[in-house]
Protein backbone atom coordinates (compact mmCIF):
# COMPACT_ATOMS: atom_id res chain seq x y z
CA UNK A 1 7.98 -6.36 -9.13
CA UNK A 2 10.10 -4.30 -6.64
CA UNK A 3 8.67 -3.76 -3.10
CA UNK A 4 9.93 -3.69 0.35
CA UNK A 5 9.69 -7.50 0.59
CA UNK A 6 12.37 -7.84 -2.04
CA UNK A 7 15.28 -9.86 -0.69
CA UNK A 8 13.74 -9.78 2.80
CA UNK A 9 13.87 -12.99 4.96
CA UNK A 10 10.45 -13.90 6.11
CA UNK A 11 9.58 -16.59 8.41
CA UNK A 12 6.06 -18.04 7.90
CA UNK A 13 4.61 -20.01 10.72
CA UNK A 14 1.67 -22.22 9.96
CA UNK A 15 -0.45 -23.53 12.78
CA UNK A 16 -3.37 -26.16 12.75
CA UNK A 17 -6.34 -24.40 11.23
CA UNK A 18 -8.59 -25.24 8.35
CA UNK A 19 -7.30 -21.86 6.96
CA UNK A 20 -3.80 -23.51 6.51
CA UNK A 21 -4.55 -23.85 2.60
CA UNK A 22 -4.54 -19.93 2.45
CA UNK A 23 -1.06 -19.86 4.01
CA UNK A 24 0.07 -21.70 0.96
CA UNK A 25 -1.16 -18.92 -1.31
CA UNK A 26 0.58 -16.46 1.22
CA UNK A 27 3.80 -18.23 0.74
CA UNK A 28 3.47 -18.00 -3.12
CA UNK A 29 2.71 -14.39 -2.94
CA UNK A 30 5.60 -13.59 -0.87
CA UNK A 31 7.97 -15.52 -3.24
CA UNK A 32 6.41 -13.53 -6.11
CA UNK A 33 7.47 -10.46 -4.10
CA UNK A 34 11.05 -11.74 -4.15
CA UNK A 35 11.16 -12.45 -0.48
CA UNK A 36 13.13 -15.31 0.77
CA UNK A 37 10.54 -17.47 2.78
CA UNK A 38 11.16 -20.04 5.54
CA UNK A 39 8.22 -22.07 6.58
CA UNK A 40 7.67 -23.51 10.00
CA UNK A 41 4.72 -26.06 10.18
CA UNK A 42 3.35 -27.02 13.67
CA UNK A 43 2.62 -30.62 14.20
CA UNK A 44 -1.06 -29.79 14.07
CA UNK A 45 -0.68 -27.92 10.77
CA UNK A 46 0.77 -30.96 9.15
CA UNK A 47 -2.66 -32.66 9.61
CA UNK A 48 -3.97 -30.07 7.10
CA UNK A 49 -1.30 -29.35 4.73
CA UNK A 50 1.87 -31.09 3.80
CA UNK A 51 5.65 -29.67 3.99
CA UNK A 52 6.14 -30.64 0.41
CA UNK A 53 3.49 -28.00 -0.74
CA UNK A 54 5.49 -25.30 0.96
CA UNK A 55 8.67 -26.67 -0.13
CA UNK A 56 7.54 -26.57 -3.75
CA UNK A 57 6.41 -22.95 -3.40
CA UNK A 58 9.34 -21.46 -1.56
CA UNK A 59 12.16 -23.72 -2.96
CA UNK A 60 13.42 -24.13 0.56
CA UNK A 61 13.40 -26.71 3.30
CA UNK A 62 10.41 -26.77 5.63
CA UNK A 63 10.72 -27.05 9.21
CA UNK A 64 8.39 -29.27 11.17
CA UNK A 65 10.36 -30.48 14.21
CA UNK A 66 12.52 -28.77 16.62
CA UNK A 67 14.56 -32.00 17.11
CA UNK A 68 14.92 -33.15 13.45
CA UNK A 69 18.80 -33.57 13.01
CA UNK A 70 18.42 -32.62 9.33
CA UNK A 71 16.84 -29.28 10.15
CA UNK A 72 18.94 -26.20 10.35
CA UNK A 73 17.11 -25.09 13.50
CA UNK A 74 18.08 -28.34 15.19
CA UNK A 75 21.89 -27.30 14.91
CA UNK A 76 21.17 -23.73 15.89
CA UNK A 77 17.83 -22.76 17.34
CA UNK A 78 18.31 -19.06 16.64
CA UNK A 79 19.58 -19.59 12.96
CA UNK A 80 16.17 -18.46 11.38
CA UNK A 81 15.59 -15.87 14.17
CA UNK A 82 18.91 -14.04 13.51
CA UNK A 83 18.34 -13.59 9.80
CA UNK A 84 14.68 -12.98 9.87
CA UNK A 85 13.43 -9.45 8.91
CA UNK A 86 9.85 -10.41 9.68
CA UNK A 87 7.83 -13.33 11.28
CA UNK A 88 4.30 -13.85 10.26
CA UNK A 89 2.13 -16.64 11.80
CA UNK A 90 -0.74 -17.38 9.37
CA UNK A 91 -2.99 -18.74 10.40
CA UNK A 92 -2.74 -18.39 14.16
CA UNK A 93 -4.96 -20.70 16.26
CA UNK A 94 -5.95 -19.79 19.90
CA UNK A 95 -3.65 -22.42 21.06
CA UNK A 96 -0.72 -20.92 19.44
CA UNK A 97 -1.64 -17.42 20.41
CA UNK A 98 -1.87 -18.67 24.14
CA UNK A 99 1.77 -20.28 23.95
CA UNK A 100 3.07 -17.09 22.47
CA UNK A 101 1.63 -14.93 25.07
CA UNK A 102 2.78 -17.06 27.88
CA UNK A 103 6.25 -17.25 26.37
CA UNK A 104 6.28 -21.01 25.88
CA UNK A 105 9.20 -22.46 23.72
CA UNK A 106 8.15 -26.11 23.13
CA UNK A 107 8.44 -26.32 19.41
CA UNK A 108 10.30 -24.87 16.33
CA UNK A 109 7.93 -22.00 15.89
CA UNK A 110 7.77 -20.71 19.24
CA UNK A 111 11.34 -21.06 19.93
CA UNK A 112 12.08 -19.12 16.79
CA UNK A 113 9.62 -16.29 17.85
CA UNK A 114 11.29 -16.07 21.35
CA UNK A 115 14.72 -15.82 19.86
CA UNK A 116 13.77 -13.20 17.13
CA UNK A 117 13.88 -9.34 17.40
CA UNK A 118 12.25 -8.86 14.15
CA UNK A 119 8.58 -7.61 13.86
CA UNK A 120 5.95 -10.25 14.70
CA UNK A 121 2.72 -10.29 12.77
CA UNK A 122 -0.15 -12.69 13.88
CA UNK A 123 -3.04 -13.46 11.71
CA UNK A 124 -5.82 -15.30 13.76
CA UNK A 125 -8.31 -17.80 12.24
CA UNK A 126 -10.67 -19.66 14.54
CA UNK A 127 -14.30 -20.00 15.63
CA UNK A 128 -15.81 -16.65 16.47
CA UNK A 129 -16.90 -17.80 19.93
CA UNK A 130 -13.29 -18.75 20.58
CA UNK A 131 -11.83 -15.57 19.39
CA UNK A 132 -14.22 -13.54 21.56
CA UNK A 133 -13.44 -15.78 24.69
CA UNK A 134 -12.01 -13.55 27.30
CA UNK A 135 -8.92 -15.61 27.53
CA UNK A 136 -8.21 -15.33 23.86
CA UNK A 137 -8.80 -11.65 24.03
CA UNK A 138 -6.31 -11.21 26.96
CA UNK A 139 -3.66 -13.20 25.13
CA UNK A 140 -3.96 -11.03 21.88
CA UNK A 141 -3.89 -7.83 23.95
CA UNK A 142 -0.85 -8.95 25.87
CA UNK A 143 0.96 -9.71 22.44
CA UNK A 144 -0.14 -6.35 21.21
CA UNK A 145 1.20 -4.56 24.20
CA UNK A 146 4.56 -6.22 23.50
CA UNK A 147 4.62 -5.01 20.01
CA UNK A 148 3.05 -7.63 17.97
CA UNK A 149 0.48 -6.78 15.22
CA UNK A 150 -2.79 -8.59 15.00
CA UNK A 151 -4.46 -8.67 11.76
CA UNK A 152 -7.98 -9.60 11.85
CA UNK A 153 -9.97 -11.75 12.06
CA UNK A 154 -12.94 -10.43 10.11
CA UNK A 155 -16.61 -11.28 9.71
CA UNK A 156 -17.50 -14.00 7.44
CA UNK A 157 -18.68 -17.64 6.99
CA UNK A 158 -16.66 -20.02 9.17
CA UNK A 159 -15.80 -23.77 8.66
CA UNK A 160 -18.46 -24.54 11.13
CA UNK A 161 -21.09 -23.01 8.87
CA UNK A 162 -21.77 -20.20 11.33
CA UNK A 163 -21.12 -16.59 10.49
CA UNK A 164 -19.08 -14.56 12.72
CA UNK A 165 -15.70 -12.73 13.43
CA UNK A 166 -13.06 -15.47 13.23
CA UNK A 167 -12.47 -15.61 9.50
CA UNK A 168 -8.82 -15.04 8.28
CA UNK A 169 -8.30 -11.84 6.46
CA UNK A 170 -7.54 -12.08 2.81
CA UNK A 171 -4.09 -12.89 1.49
CA UNK A 172 -3.60 -9.76 -0.62
CA UNK A 173 -4.32 -7.74 2.52
CA UNK A 174 -1.97 -9.58 4.53
CA UNK A 175 0.87 -8.97 1.96
CA UNK A 176 0.08 -5.19 2.00
CA UNK A 177 0.44 -5.02 5.81
CA UNK A 178 3.74 -6.95 5.80
CA UNK A 179 5.02 -4.37 3.25
CA UNK A 180 3.72 -1.71 5.52
CA UNK A 181 5.47 -3.31 8.65
CA UNK A 182 8.80 -3.54 6.89
CA UNK A 183 8.54 0.02 5.66
CA UNK A 184 7.93 1.40 9.01
CA UNK A 185 10.92 -0.69 10.13
CA UNK A 186 13.51 0.32 7.37
CA UNK A 187 11.80 2.65 5.02
CA UNK A 188 13.77 5.80 3.97
CA UNK A 189 10.53 8.07 4.42
CA UNK A 190 9.95 6.95 7.98
CA UNK A 191 8.49 9.88 9.93
CA UNK A 192 7.53 11.65 6.90
CA UNK A 193 3.90 12.33 5.84
CA UNK A 194 3.06 12.11 2.09
CA UNK A 195 -0.18 13.17 0.58
CA UNK A 196 -1.10 11.70 -2.79
CA UNK A 197 -4.10 12.50 -5.04
CA UNK A 198 -5.55 10.00 -7.52
CA UNK A 199 -8.42 9.52 -9.86
CA UNK A 200 -10.47 11.75 -12.16
CA UNK A 201 -12.87 14.20 -10.48
CA UNK A 202 -16.60 14.32 -11.35
CA UNK A 203 -18.30 17.50 -11.97
CA UNK A 204 -22.11 17.23 -11.78
CA UNK A 205 -24.45 18.56 -14.55
CA UNK A 206 -27.57 17.34 -12.93
CA UNK A 207 -28.36 14.69 -10.23
CA UNK A 208 -27.62 11.79 -12.76
CA UNK A 209 -24.80 13.18 -15.10
CA UNK A 210 -21.28 14.24 -14.46
CA UNK A 211 -18.30 15.60 -16.67
CA UNK A 212 -15.21 13.61 -15.82
CA UNK A 213 -12.10 12.26 -17.64
CA UNK A 214 -10.55 8.96 -18.31
CA UNK A 215 -8.16 8.67 -15.46
CA UNK A 216 -8.26 5.19 -13.71
CA UNK A 217 -6.44 6.29 -10.63
CA UNK A 218 -3.94 3.52 -11.00
CA UNK A 219 -0.78 5.92 -11.07
CA UNK A 220 -1.84 7.66 -7.84
CA UNK A 221 -2.75 4.50 -6.10
CA UNK A 222 0.65 3.02 -7.02
CA UNK A 223 2.29 6.20 -5.69
CA UNK A 224 0.53 5.76 -2.20
CA UNK A 225 1.46 2.14 -1.95
CA UNK A 226 5.10 3.03 -2.78
CA UNK A 227 5.15 5.82 -0.10
CA UNK A 228 3.51 3.51 2.45
CA UNK A 229 6.08 0.73 1.66
CA UNK A 230 8.88 3.32 2.33
CA UNK A 231 7.61 4.06 5.88
CA UNK A 232 5.64 7.40 5.18
CA UNK A 233 2.44 8.08 6.84
CA UNK A 234 0.45 8.22 3.57
CA UNK A 235 -2.89 9.96 2.92
CA UNK A 236 -4.57 9.15 -0.32
CA UNK A 237 -7.26 11.82 -1.36
CA UNK A 238 -9.02 10.00 -4.32
CA UNK A 239 -11.74 10.74 -6.65
CA UNK A 240 -14.07 7.78 -7.44
CA UNK A 241 -12.12 4.70 -8.88
CA UNK A 242 -12.75 1.02 -9.24
CA UNK A 243 -9.66 0.25 -7.27
CA UNK A 244 -9.36 -1.22 -3.66
CA UNK A 245 -8.18 1.17 -1.01
CA UNK A 246 -4.54 0.23 -0.13
CA UNK A 247 -4.08 -1.21 3.37
CA UNK A 248 -2.17 1.02 5.64
CA UNK A 249 -2.96 4.14 3.86
CA UNK A 250 -5.52 6.86 5.10
CA UNK A 251 -8.00 7.32 2.35
CA UNK A 252 -10.02 10.43 1.95
CA UNK A 253 -12.88 9.81 -0.84
CA UNK A 254 -14.03 13.15 -2.81
CA UNK A 255 -15.88 13.65 -5.96
CA UNK A 256 -15.29 17.10 -7.26
CA UNK A 257 -12.50 19.34 -7.72
CA UNK A 258 -13.77 21.54 -5.01
CA UNK A 259 -14.00 18.65 -2.56
CA UNK A 260 -10.53 17.65 -3.37
CA UNK A 261 -9.21 21.09 -2.97
CA UNK A 262 -11.02 21.45 0.44
CA UNK A 263 -9.46 18.11 1.49
CA UNK A 264 -5.80 18.90 0.31
CA UNK A 265 -5.76 22.39 1.82
CA UNK A 266 -7.00 20.99 5.12
CA UNK A 267 -4.35 18.35 5.51
CA UNK A 268 -1.43 19.78 3.69
CA UNK A 269 -0.07 21.78 6.60
CA UNK A 270 1.20 18.50 8.27
CA UNK A 271 2.69 17.23 5.00
CA UNK A 272 6.37 16.74 3.94
CA UNK A 273 5.34 16.23 0.34
CA UNK A 274 2.33 16.44 -1.94
CA UNK A 275 2.10 14.42 -5.06
CA UNK A 276 -0.84 15.44 -7.42
CA UNK A 277 -1.45 12.66 -9.55
CA UNK A 278 -5.26 13.20 -9.74
CA UNK A 279 -6.67 14.40 -13.04
CA UNK A 280 -8.40 17.42 -11.63
CA UNK A 281 -11.13 18.95 -13.93
CA UNK A 282 -9.95 22.30 -15.08
CA UNK A 283 -13.63 23.50 -15.68
CA UNK A 284 -17.01 22.68 -14.07
CA UNK A 285 -20.54 23.48 -15.18
CA UNK A 286 -21.54 27.07 -14.27
CA UNK A 287 -24.99 25.78 -13.40
CA UNK A 288 -26.01 22.30 -12.02
CA UNK A 289 -29.61 21.45 -12.87
CA UNK A 290 -31.76 20.65 -10.01
CA UNK A 291 -33.58 17.80 -11.85
CA UNK A 292 -32.54 15.42 -14.46
CA UNK A 293 -32.37 16.88 -17.83
CA UNK A 294 -34.68 15.01 -20.06
CA UNK A 295 -33.75 13.57 -23.53
CA UNK A 296 -36.43 15.67 -25.33
CA UNK A 297 -33.84 18.59 -25.68
CA UNK A 298 -32.61 19.00 -29.19
CA UNK A 299 -29.48 20.73 -27.84
CA UNK A 300 -28.00 21.32 -24.61
CA UNK A 301 -25.50 24.18 -24.40
CA UNK A 302 -23.24 24.27 -21.39
CA UNK A 303 -21.50 27.35 -19.84
CA UNK A 304 -18.18 26.22 -18.01
CA UNK A 305 -16.37 27.99 -15.35
CA UNK A 306 -12.81 27.46 -14.22
CA UNK A 307 -12.01 25.54 -11.11
CA UNK A 308 -9.34 26.27 -8.50
CA UNK A 309 -5.70 25.22 -9.20
CA UNK A 310 -4.98 23.21 -6.09
CA UNK A 311 -1.18 22.99 -6.75
CA UNK A 312 -0.74 26.61 -7.26
CA UNK A 313 -2.64 27.37 -4.13
CA UNK A 314 -0.42 25.13 -1.88
CA UNK A 315 2.37 26.85 -0.05
CA UNK A 316 4.85 26.01 2.47
CA UNK A 317 7.97 23.91 3.06
CA UNK A 318 7.07 20.80 1.43
CA UNK A 319 8.03 18.81 -1.82
CA UNK A 320 5.47 19.57 -4.50
CA UNK A 321 5.02 17.06 -7.35
CA UNK A 322 2.76 17.54 -10.26
CA UNK A 323 1.63 15.70 -13.36
CA UNK A 324 1.32 17.05 -16.99
CA UNK A 325 -1.01 14.95 -19.31
CA UNK A 326 -0.32 16.41 -22.62
CA UNK A 327 -1.02 15.69 -26.34
CA UNK A 328 1.46 18.08 -27.78
CA UNK A 329 4.78 19.78 -26.80
CA UNK A 330 5.18 17.59 -23.93
CA UNK A 331 8.46 18.69 -22.43
CA UNK A 332 7.78 22.39 -23.02
CA UNK A 333 4.30 22.51 -21.63
CA UNK A 334 5.40 20.50 -18.62
CA UNK A 335 8.30 22.92 -17.77
CA UNK A 336 5.87 25.76 -17.98
CA UNK A 337 3.55 24.16 -15.51
CA UNK A 338 6.61 23.24 -13.12
CA UNK A 339 7.60 26.97 -13.16
CA UNK A 340 4.03 28.33 -12.88
CA UNK A 341 2.99 26.03 -9.96
CA UNK A 342 6.52 26.38 -8.31
CA UNK A 343 7.03 22.58 -8.29
CA UNK A 344 10.05 20.59 -7.36
CA UNK A 345 9.19 17.83 -9.92
CA UNK A 346 6.77 17.13 -12.56
CA UNK A 347 5.92 13.90 -14.36
CA UNK A 348 4.98 14.55 -17.87
CA UNK A 349 3.26 11.92 -20.15
CA UNK A 350 2.03 12.03 -23.77
CA UNK A 351 -1.54 10.64 -23.48
CA UNK A 352 -1.79 10.55 -27.26
CA UNK A 353 1.09 8.07 -27.40
CA UNK A 354 0.08 4.62 -28.92
CA UNK A 355 1.09 2.84 -25.64
CA UNK A 356 -1.74 4.51 -24.08
CA UNK A 357 -1.87 5.80 -20.35
CA UNK A 358 -5.48 5.97 -19.27
CA UNK A 359 -6.46 2.55 -17.61
CA UNK A 360 -3.20 0.81 -18.40
CA UNK A 361 -0.87 -0.71 -16.03
CA UNK A 362 2.11 0.75 -17.76
CA UNK A 363 3.22 4.29 -18.48
CA UNK A 364 5.93 6.22 -20.32
CA UNK A 365 6.87 9.39 -18.57
CA UNK A 366 9.40 12.17 -18.56
CA UNK A 367 10.55 13.38 -15.05
CA UNK A 368 11.55 17.07 -15.04
CA UNK A 369 13.01 18.88 -12.10
CA UNK A 370 13.77 22.53 -11.19
CA UNK A 371 17.09 22.67 -13.03
CA UNK A 372 15.27 22.00 -16.12
CA UNK A 373 16.73 18.38 -16.50
CA UNK A 374 14.43 15.95 -18.19
CA UNK A 375 14.86 12.14 -17.58
CA UNK A 376 12.86 10.13 -20.07
CA UNK A 377 11.80 6.74 -18.81
CA UNK A 378 10.91 3.83 -21.03
CA UNK A 379 7.67 2.11 -20.91
CA UNK A 380 7.43 0.83 -17.18
CA UNK A 381 4.87 -0.63 -14.86
CA UNK A 382 3.11 2.06 -13.06
CA UNK A 383 4.43 0.48 -9.86
CA UNK A 384 7.98 1.07 -11.07
CA UNK A 385 7.19 4.66 -12.32
CA UNK A 386 5.90 5.24 -8.69
CA UNK A 387 9.06 3.99 -7.21
CA UNK A 388 11.18 6.24 -9.52
CA UNK A 389 9.12 9.29 -8.35
CA UNK A 390 9.44 8.37 -4.59
CA UNK A 391 13.20 8.10 -5.10
CA UNK A 392 13.25 11.72 -6.21
CA UNK A 393 11.03 12.74 -3.34
CA UNK A 394 13.12 11.02 -0.79
CA UNK A 395 16.38 12.39 -2.27
CA UNK A 396 14.73 16.06 -2.10
CA UNK A 397 13.71 15.46 1.46
CA UNK A 398 17.11 14.07 2.52
CA UNK A 399 19.06 16.98 0.94
CA UNK A 400 16.75 19.56 2.62
CA UNK A 401 17.27 17.76 6.04
CA UNK A 402 21.08 17.83 5.44
CA UNK A 403 20.97 21.48 4.57
CA UNK A 404 19.05 22.08 7.74
CA UNK A 405 16.34 23.88 5.70
CA UNK A 406 12.57 23.08 5.82
CA UNK A 407 12.32 23.95 2.11
CA UNK A 408 13.88 21.36 -0.29
CA UNK A 409 16.42 22.81 -2.57
CA UNK A 410 15.92 23.47 -6.28
């Protein structure tokens, strides 16, 4: 797995909340993303979780005491702060939020935060009445005004048994937000807008039935997440899928090819790149029945009519990337599509291959550019395929900027 967290130094501050056990899961997830994680536990946090838990997960010493002679921070209180790419405090109690707001530096965590210039992300978890208290709200607003990001809390069942807005957001969502924060700080697509389409459109036959295809949307969603991780403002136009909306991505839900066309043409004027990973229906029923067609019919003959070609309609100074799902003559058909639609890059895959494509987490594709060069990739996770596609897009945009031209060169 390669993400913006790979190789980044993350300081994870854990404070005294019952949600501390979720911080252990966060530490584990960050390590899985190849981040270097240094954990600081407040004294109150050690009443809920042990340093050994986090040491086992991160394979690094855990700091609990500013004055521990064995701790690196005791020798140099800015050691962690200088190398940190990001600080996340999870969970963050009302007490810790107040201390950060007031600029107190009376323990290892607050001292590190004050000495650090890296982005600060705070994940509150507390009783709902506490979170809504005017003092806590003033402290969070003050921290946000200084640039800190506050994630949550959300509505849910609390440790007290009550239901309210005080529950810590889910760990997976936190990880996505951290990837977003790092992308906006260091990503090579900062300042760019990337539109991605995903999923298989659904063309109605009657109020119950639709004609669709086997696209899961996984490739498009992976591309949207990759663009977000590289700092782009990312808009995902998606047909129905079973996937969770990516954090930090603007999602526009559509169903039909016509709805996808309307959404893309509306927002594409502000885009730097359009990546059409959606499996858009080529045909739709000429007539949609007003009522459900009953099973009593012996046959049902359908007349189909062509849908609009969205990619062919899009014009302007932006990078255009298309997909070609083929069952024969893969490269030849993909090259024709690239030329007909005036694309900068096309991603071709053989959907008849034994590896499978639809619904799988991996894909085998060929990348073809305007020069006619075809780069055949091995079977790779779709997240890695997405990264390779974004590498090409970023390179095209960089070359166009260097050339002083709004239109990327061939």
